Protein backbone atom coordinates (compact mmCIF):
# COMPACT_ATOMS: atom_id res chain seq x y z
CA MET A 1 -10.07 21.13 4.81
CA ASN A 2 -8.26 20.74 1.48
CA ILE A 3 -7.86 17.10 0.34
CA LYS A 4 -5.49 16.25 -2.50
CA ILE A 5 -4.64 12.89 -4.06
CA SER A 6 -1.35 12.54 -5.96
CA TYR A 7 0.30 9.65 -7.70
CA LEU A 8 3.60 8.76 -6.11
CA THR A 9 6.50 10.30 -8.03
CA GLU A 10 10.22 10.72 -7.61
CA HIS A 11 9.44 14.21 -6.28
CA ASN A 12 6.91 13.35 -3.59
CA LEU A 13 8.41 10.05 -2.41
CA ASN A 14 10.16 12.08 0.29
CA ASP A 15 6.72 13.16 1.59
CA LEU A 16 6.24 9.68 3.03
CA PRO A 17 6.82 9.72 6.79
CA GLU A 18 9.88 8.52 8.59
CA TRP A 19 9.24 6.79 11.93
CA LYS A 20 11.55 5.22 14.44
CA SER A 21 8.88 4.01 16.83
CA PHE A 22 6.73 2.32 14.20
CA PRO A 23 7.46 -1.21 12.93
CA CYS A 24 8.27 0.22 9.53
CA SER A 25 8.87 3.53 7.85
CA CYS A 26 6.77 4.14 4.74
CA LYS A 27 9.57 6.29 3.37
CA TYR A 28 12.10 3.45 3.41
CA CYS A 29 9.95 0.33 3.58
CA ARG A 30 10.58 -2.32 0.96
CA TYR A 31 8.97 -5.14 2.89
CA TRP A 32 6.84 -6.36 -0.01
CA GLN A 33 9.61 -6.02 -2.56
CA SER A 34 12.55 -7.34 -0.56
CA PRO A 35 12.20 -7.80 3.18
CA HIS A 36 15.18 -7.19 5.38
CA GLU A 37 15.98 -5.73 8.77
CA PHE A 38 16.26 -1.98 8.59
CA ASN A 39 18.30 0.33 10.81
CA ALA A 40 16.68 3.78 10.50
CA ASP A 41 19.64 5.32 12.34
CA ASP A 42 22.08 4.33 9.59
CA LYS A 43 22.23 7.11 6.96
CA ASN A 44 23.84 4.83 4.37
CA GLU A 45 21.10 2.25 4.81
CA ARG A 46 18.38 4.91 4.51
CA LYS A 47 19.93 6.22 1.28
CA LYS A 48 20.31 2.70 -0.15
CA SER A 49 16.71 1.86 0.74
CA THR A 50 15.44 5.13 -0.76
CA ASP A 51 17.41 4.50 -3.97
CA ASN A 52 16.11 0.90 -4.18
CA ARG A 53 12.56 2.08 -3.54
CA ARG A 54 12.82 4.67 -6.33
CA GLN A 55 14.19 2.04 -8.69
CA TRP A 56 11.33 -0.31 -7.80
CA PHE A 57 8.69 2.38 -8.44
CA ASP A 58 10.34 3.40 -11.71
CA GLY A 59 10.48 -0.21 -12.93
CA VAL A 60 6.88 -0.95 -11.97
CA LYS A 61 5.68 2.29 -13.56
CA ARG A 62 7.45 1.42 -16.82
CA GLU A 63 5.96 -2.07 -16.96
CA PHE A 64 2.58 -1.63 -15.24
CA GLY A 65 1.85 2.08 -14.83
CA GLU A 66 1.01 4.11 -11.75
CA CYS A 67 1.47 2.08 -8.59
CA GLY A 68 1.37 4.46 -5.62
CA ILE A 69 -0.84 7.24 -4.27
CA ILE A 70 -0.41 9.78 -1.47
CA ILE A 71 -3.31 11.60 0.17
CA TYR A 72 -2.72 15.08 1.57
CA VAL A 73 -4.90 17.13 3.92
CA ASP A 74 -4.03 20.82 3.93
CA GLU A 75 -0.72 20.00 2.18
CA LYS A 76 0.24 17.45 4.89
CA PRO A 77 0.68 13.83 3.75
CA ILE A 78 -1.65 11.67 5.84
CA GLY A 79 -1.79 8.37 3.97
CA PHE A 80 -0.29 6.22 1.29
CA ALA A 81 -1.25 3.30 -0.94
CA GLN A 82 0.89 1.03 -3.10
CA TYR A 83 -0.44 -1.47 -5.65
CA ALA A 84 0.69 -3.56 -8.63
CA PRO A 85 0.40 -7.12 -9.95
CA PRO A 86 1.61 -9.68 -7.37
CA LYS A 87 4.72 -10.54 -9.39
CA PHE A 88 6.23 -7.23 -8.22
CA PHE A 89 5.92 -8.23 -4.53
CA SER A 90 8.28 -11.10 -3.78
CA THR A 91 7.22 -11.33 -0.12
CA VAL A 92 3.68 -12.52 -0.89
CA VAL A 93 4.97 -16.05 -1.48
CA HIS A 94 5.77 -16.28 2.25
CA TYR A 95 2.11 -15.90 3.26
CA PRO A 96 -0.15 -18.91 3.73
CA ILE A 97 -2.51 -17.50 1.09
CA ILE A 98 -1.00 -16.12 -2.11
CA PRO A 99 -2.77 -13.50 -4.25
CA SER A 100 -4.21 -14.48 -7.62
CA LEU A 101 -2.12 -13.82 -10.70
CA ASP A 102 -5.12 -12.22 -12.44
CA ALA A 103 -5.50 -9.51 -9.78
CA VAL A 104 -3.74 -6.30 -8.88
CA TYR A 105 -2.43 -6.52 -5.33
CA ILE A 106 -2.71 -3.68 -2.78
CA SER A 107 0.38 -4.09 -0.63
CA CYS A 108 -0.17 -0.97 1.46
CA LEU A 109 -3.11 1.25 2.19
CA PHE A 110 -2.29 3.09 5.36
CA ILE A 111 -3.36 6.27 7.13
CA PHE A 112 -0.29 7.38 9.07
CA GLU A 113 -1.76 9.07 12.14
CA LYS A 114 -4.61 7.69 14.23
CA LYS A 115 -6.31 11.10 14.34
CA TYR A 116 -7.01 10.80 10.59
CA ARG A 117 -8.34 7.24 10.73
CA ASN A 118 -12.03 6.37 10.62
CA GLN A 119 -12.79 9.64 8.85
CA GLY A 120 -13.11 8.27 5.32
CA PHE A 121 -9.58 9.01 4.10
CA GLY A 122 -8.80 5.31 3.63
CA THR A 123 -11.88 4.99 1.44
CA VAL A 124 -10.76 8.04 -0.57
CA LEU A 125 -7.39 6.32 -1.16
CA LEU A 126 -9.05 3.02 -2.05
CA ASN A 127 -11.45 4.72 -4.48
CA ALA A 128 -8.52 6.48 -6.18
CA ILE A 129 -6.88 3.08 -6.72
CA LEU A 130 -10.09 1.54 -8.02
CA GLU A 131 -10.71 4.44 -10.43
CA ASP A 132 -7.15 4.12 -11.75
CA LEU A 133 -7.53 0.37 -12.27
CA GLU A 134 -10.93 0.71 -13.94
CA LYS A 135 -9.46 3.23 -16.42
CA ARG A 136 -6.87 0.58 -17.30
CA ASP A 137 -9.58 -2.06 -17.70
CA ILE A 138 -8.25 -4.13 -14.80
CA LYS A 139 -11.00 -6.38 -13.48
CA THR A 140 -9.81 -7.65 -10.09
CA VAL A 141 -8.05 -6.28 -7.02
CA GLU A 142 -6.94 -8.18 -3.91
CA THR A 143 -5.05 -7.69 -0.69
CA ILE A 144 -4.07 -9.65 2.36
CA ALA A 145 -5.92 -7.83 5.12
CA ARG A 146 -5.70 -8.49 8.83
CA LYS A 147 -8.42 -9.52 11.21
CA ASN A 148 -8.87 -7.57 14.46
CA ASN A 149 -5.87 -5.26 14.00
CA PRO A 150 -6.00 -1.85 12.30
CA GLU A 151 -2.19 -1.51 12.36
CA ASN A 152 -1.70 -3.76 9.34
CA PRO A 153 -0.05 -1.83 6.45
CA SER A 154 -2.69 -3.00 3.96
CA GLY A 155 -5.49 -2.23 6.40
CA PRO A 156 -7.95 -4.22 8.48
CA VAL A 157 -10.27 -6.77 6.90
CA GLU A 158 -13.30 -4.88 8.25
CA PHE A 159 -12.32 -1.85 6.13
CA TYR A 160 -12.31 -3.90 2.93
CA LEU A 161 -15.57 -5.69 3.74
CA ALA A 162 -17.20 -2.28 4.31
CA ASN A 163 -15.94 -1.31 0.83
CA LYS A 164 -17.58 -4.27 -1.00
CA PHE A 165 -14.63 -6.67 -0.96
CA ILE A 166 -15.29 -10.30 -0.11
CA ILE A 167 -13.14 -12.78 1.76
CA TYR A 168 -11.86 -14.78 -1.18
CA LYS A 169 -9.59 -17.13 0.76
CA ASP A 170 -9.97 -17.20 4.52
CA ASP A 171 -7.25 -17.42 7.14
CA LYS A 172 -7.49 -17.08 10.91
CA GLU A 173 -5.42 -13.86 10.82
CA PHE A 174 -4.60 -12.79 7.23
CA PRO A 175 -7.44 -13.51 4.76
CA LEU A 176 -7.17 -12.64 1.10
CA VAL A 177 -9.92 -10.18 0.22
CA ARG A 178 -11.02 -9.54 -3.35
CA LEU A 179 -13.12 -7.12 -5.36
CA GLU A 180 -14.32 -7.71 -8.91
CA LEU A 181 -14.45 -4.36 -10.71
């Protein structure tokens, strides 16, 4: 099994999957940047969303640096993570608990197919993020995880607790978890 981690680029953005049966499509999703209803059957809307997503990544990379990672197994993309300071994610203000301004926020950390989950690939993605942030001397990372549901795009709270995060601000469904690096 050949595992490869790559930063998200203009060239591999198209490697993100496109789903119709899933609540979102990683390829077109801009939920954290600018939530709106999305019609995956509309080619114009897909192109507009892809263009907006590229612009977002380019802008964040210019101001913050790398902000997305894809994990491949045997050349097949199996997971994705997206992270940046909270100011780049306008949707976080709609949650009951808002991330800290001093932290980098993980908006997505998701293994696409269930057959690849619970095999350590999420931890590989998380560790790649943490290594990147430590190199940049960033001290804190947070995410809004979800209790009792592994289908959350940022991942279940149990995953983060198993990876040394703490519940920083609790909520009955979406606690804010935090790790001091």
